């Protein structure tokens, strides 16, 4: 029997994403700055972490936790997020692994 997961504020389960973004050579810090600037005011976002990949000098890992999948989808239409995507696009070389998760809880999560 599957254990009952903690629910979000609306009674559903949380939604998580972990993804690797590859910057064009030498642009990882610039890409990180753009991603971090574009996250203000994202309703339903519980956690958004940008981290350097220690093995690849051009790679970033982004770890996100959302109240639900619908909130994540809605964030993609926000002007600040759309502007960050447009600004970052020229220095994104590609994407690596991408994992969808169902967060169960942890430090910093309700």
C-alpha atoms as a PDB file:
ATOM      1  CA  UNK A   1       0.000   0.000   0.000  1.00  0.00           C
ATOM      2  CA  UNK A   2       1.375   3.392  -0.999  1.00  0.00           C
ATOM      3  CA  UNK A   3       1.859   5.884   1.817  1.00  0.00           C
ATOM      4  CA  UNK A   4      -0.215   9.048   1.598  1.00  0.00           C
ATOM      5  CA  UNK A   5       1.930  11.970   0.483  1.00  0.00           C
ATOM      6  CA  UNK A   6       1.714  15.384   2.096  1.00  0.00           C
ATOM      7  CA  UNK A   7      -0.746  17.539   0.208  1.00  0.00           C
ATOM      8  CA  UNK A   8      -0.345  21.059  -1.017  1.00  0.00           C
ATOM      9  CA  UNK A   9      -2.528  23.932   0.155  1.00  0.00           C
ATOM     10  CA  UNK A  10      -5.259  22.915  -2.276  1.00  0.00           C
ATOM     11  CA  UNK A  11      -5.311  19.277  -1.174  1.00  0.00           C
ATOM     12  CA  UNK A  12      -3.378  17.880  -4.170  1.00  0.00           C
ATOM     13  CA  UNK A  13       0.178  16.637  -4.386  1.00  0.00           C
ATOM     14  CA  UNK A  14       3.147  18.895  -5.035  1.00  0.00           C
ATOM     15  CA  UNK A  15       4.887  18.924  -8.421  1.00  0.00           C
ATOM     16  CA  UNK A  16       8.636  18.991  -8.920  1.00  0.00           C
ATOM     17  CA  UNK A  17      11.098  19.345 -11.757  1.00  0.00           C
ATOM     18  CA  UNK A  18      14.834  18.766 -11.857  1.00  0.00           C
ATOM     19  CA  UNK A  19      16.525  19.758 -15.087  1.00  0.00           C
ATOM     20  CA  UNK A  20      19.949  20.344 -16.545  1.00  0.00           C
ATOM     21  CA  UNK A  21      20.511  23.382 -18.765  1.00  0.00           C
ATOM     22  CA  UNK A  22      23.659  23.716 -20.848  1.00  0.00           C
ATOM     23  CA  UNK A  23      24.993  27.219 -21.477  1.00  0.00           C
ATOM     24  CA  UNK A  24      27.074  28.161 -24.467  1.00  0.00           C
ATOM     25  CA  UNK A  25      30.786  28.007 -23.506  1.00  0.00           C
ATOM     26  CA  UNK A  26      31.692  30.563 -20.858  1.00  0.00           C
ATOM     27  CA  UNK A  27      28.116  31.774 -20.288  1.00  0.00           C
ATOM     28  CA  UNK A  28      27.017  29.682 -17.303  1.00  0.00           C
ATOM     29  CA  UNK A  29      27.145  32.585 -14.819  1.00  0.00           C
ATOM     30  CA  UNK A  30      25.234  34.868 -17.178  1.00  0.00           C
ATOM     31  CA  UNK A  31      22.582  32.189 -17.685  1.00  0.00           C
ATOM     32  CA  UNK A  32      22.293  31.620 -13.935  1.00  0.00           C
ATOM     33  CA  UNK A  33      21.814  35.363 -13.373  1.00  0.00           C
ATOM     34  CA  UNK A  34      19.018  35.493 -15.956  1.00  0.00           C
ATOM     35  CA  UNK A  35      17.265  32.475 -14.426  1.00  0.00           C
ATOM     36  CA  UNK A  36      17.518  33.906 -10.923  1.00  0.00           C
ATOM     37  CA  UNK A  37      16.231  37.334 -11.987  1.00  0.00           C
ATOM     38  CA  UNK A  38      13.211  35.838 -13.753  1.00  0.00           C
ATOM     39  CA  UNK A  39      11.791  33.983 -10.762  1.00  0.00           C
ATOM     40  CA  UNK A  40      10.249  36.850  -8.823  1.00  0.00           C
ATOM     41  CA  UNK A  41       6.507  36.662  -8.278  1.00  0.00           C
ATOM     42  CA  UNK A  42       5.788  33.110  -9.417  1.00  0.00           C
ATOM     43  CA  UNK A  43       2.535  32.156  -7.654  1.00  0.00           C
ATOM     44  CA  UNK A  44       2.577  28.588  -6.391  1.00  0.00           C
ATOM     45  CA  UNK A  45       6.367  28.222  -6.511  1.00  0.00           C
ATOM     46  CA  UNK A  46       7.611  26.742  -3.239  1.00  0.00           C
ATOM     47  CA  UNK A  47      11.249  26.358  -4.231  1.00  0.00           C
ATOM     48  CA  UNK A  48      13.394  27.328  -7.232  1.00  0.00           C
ATOM     49  CA  UNK A  49      17.092  26.526  -6.958  1.00  0.00           C
ATOM     50  CA  UNK A  50      19.755  27.177  -9.597  1.00  0.00           C
ATOM     51  CA  UNK A  51      22.989  25.262  -8.996  1.00  0.00           C
ATOM     52  CA  UNK A  52      26.305  24.844 -10.788  1.00  0.00           C
ATOM     53  CA  UNK A  53      27.187  21.390 -12.078  1.00  0.00           C
ATOM     54  CA  UNK A  54      30.589  20.653 -10.538  1.00  0.00           C
ATOM     55  CA  UNK A  55      31.598  18.302 -13.366  1.00  0.00           C
ATOM     56  CA  UNK A  56      30.641  20.531 -16.315  1.00  0.00           C
ATOM     57  CA  UNK A  57      31.652  24.219 -16.363  1.00  0.00           C
ATOM     58  CA  UNK A  58      28.808  25.076 -18.760  1.00  0.00           C
ATOM     59  CA  UNK A  59      25.974  23.233 -16.999  1.00  0.00           C
ATOM     60  CA  UNK A  60      23.356  24.307 -14.468  1.00  0.00           C
ATOM     61  CA  UNK A  61      20.810  22.250 -12.558  1.00  0.00           C
ATOM     62  CA  UNK A  62      17.438  23.809 -11.820  1.00  0.00           C
ATOM     63  CA  UNK A  63      15.339  22.215  -9.076  1.00  0.00           C
ATOM     64  CA  UNK A  64      11.753  23.412  -8.720  1.00  0.00           C
ATOM     65  CA  UNK A  65       8.901  22.573  -6.347  1.00  0.00           C
ATOM     66  CA  UNK A  66       5.397  23.827  -7.066  1.00  0.00           C
ATOM     67  CA  UNK A  67       2.074  23.674  -5.259  1.00  0.00           C
ATOM     68  CA  UNK A  68       0.903  21.691  -8.293  1.00  0.00           C
ATOM     69  CA  UNK A  69       1.558  21.070 -11.972  1.00  0.00           C
ATOM     70  CA  UNK A  70      -1.046  23.668 -13.014  1.00  0.00           C
ATOM     71  CA  UNK A  71       0.858  26.421 -11.172  1.00  0.00           C
ATOM     72  CA  UNK A  72       4.047  25.455 -12.978  1.00  0.00           C
ATOM     73  CA  UNK A  73       2.292  25.580 -16.347  1.00  0.00           C
ATOM     74  CA  UNK A  74       0.720  28.950 -15.508  1.00  0.00           C
ATOM     75  CA  UNK A  75       4.144  30.390 -14.603  1.00  0.00           C
ATOM     76  CA  UNK A  76       5.299  29.950 -18.203  1.00  0.00           C
ATOM     77  CA  UNK A  77       2.849  32.685 -19.253  1.00  0.00           C
ATOM     78  CA  UNK A  78       4.095  35.253 -16.710  1.00  0.00           C
ATOM     79  CA  UNK A  79       5.740  38.309 -18.318  1.00  0.00           C
ATOM     80  CA  UNK A  80       8.843  37.987 -16.114  1.00  0.00           C
ATOM     81  CA  UNK A  81       9.298  34.317 -17.019  1.00  0.00           C
ATOM     82  CA  UNK A  82       8.697  34.939 -20.734  1.00  0.00           C
ATOM     83  CA  UNK A  83      11.235  37.790 -20.667  1.00  0.00           C
ATOM     84  CA  UNK A  84      13.813  35.585 -18.911  1.00  0.00           C
ATOM     85  CA  UNK A  85      13.308  32.819 -21.477  1.00  0.00           C
ATOM     86  CA  UNK A  86      13.736  35.278 -24.357  1.00  0.00           C
ATOM     87  CA  UNK A  87      16.872  36.759 -22.780  1.00  0.00           C
ATOM     88  CA  UNK A  88      18.388  33.345 -22.011  1.00  0.00           C
ATOM     89  CA  UNK A  89      17.615  31.637 -25.327  1.00  0.00           C
ATOM     90  CA  UNK A  90      20.757  32.931 -27.168  1.00  0.00           C
ATOM     91  CA  UNK A  91      23.104  31.526 -24.503  1.00  0.00           C
ATOM     92  CA  UNK A  92      21.375  28.160 -24.022  1.00  0.00           C
ATOM     93  CA  UNK A  93      23.291  25.460 -25.885  1.00  0.00           C
ATOM     94  CA  UNK A  94      20.830  22.715 -24.979  1.00  0.00           C
ATOM     95  CA  UNK A  95      19.230  20.690 -22.253  1.00  0.00           C
ATOM     96  CA  UNK A  96      20.337  17.565 -20.436  1.00  0.00           C
ATOM     97  CA  UNK A  97      18.354  15.296 -18.192  1.00  0.00           C
ATOM     98  CA  UNK A  98      14.875  16.342 -17.070  1.00  0.00           C
ATOM     99  CA  UNK A  99      12.989  14.624 -14.285  1.00  0.00           C
ATOM    100  CA  UNK A 100       9.445  15.219 -13.084  1.00  0.00           C
ATOM    101  CA  UNK A 101       8.971  14.440  -9.408  1.00  0.00           C
ATOM    102  CA  UNK A 102       6.308  14.342  -6.740  1.00  0.00           C
ATOM    103  CA  UNK A 103       7.916  16.006  -3.711  1.00  0.00           C
ATOM    104  CA  UNK A 104       7.121  14.379  -0.391  1.00  0.00           C
ATOM    105  CA  UNK A 105       8.425  17.150   1.874  1.00  0.00           C
ATOM    106  CA  UNK A 106      11.668  18.429   3.250  1.00  0.00           C
ATOM    107  CA  UNK A 107      13.377  21.456   4.731  1.00  0.00           C
ATOM    108  CA  UNK A 108      11.721  24.601   3.479  1.00  0.00           C
ATOM    109  CA  UNK A 109       8.578  22.897   2.194  1.00  0.00           C
ATOM    110  CA  UNK A 110       5.268  23.118   3.984  1.00  0.00           C
END
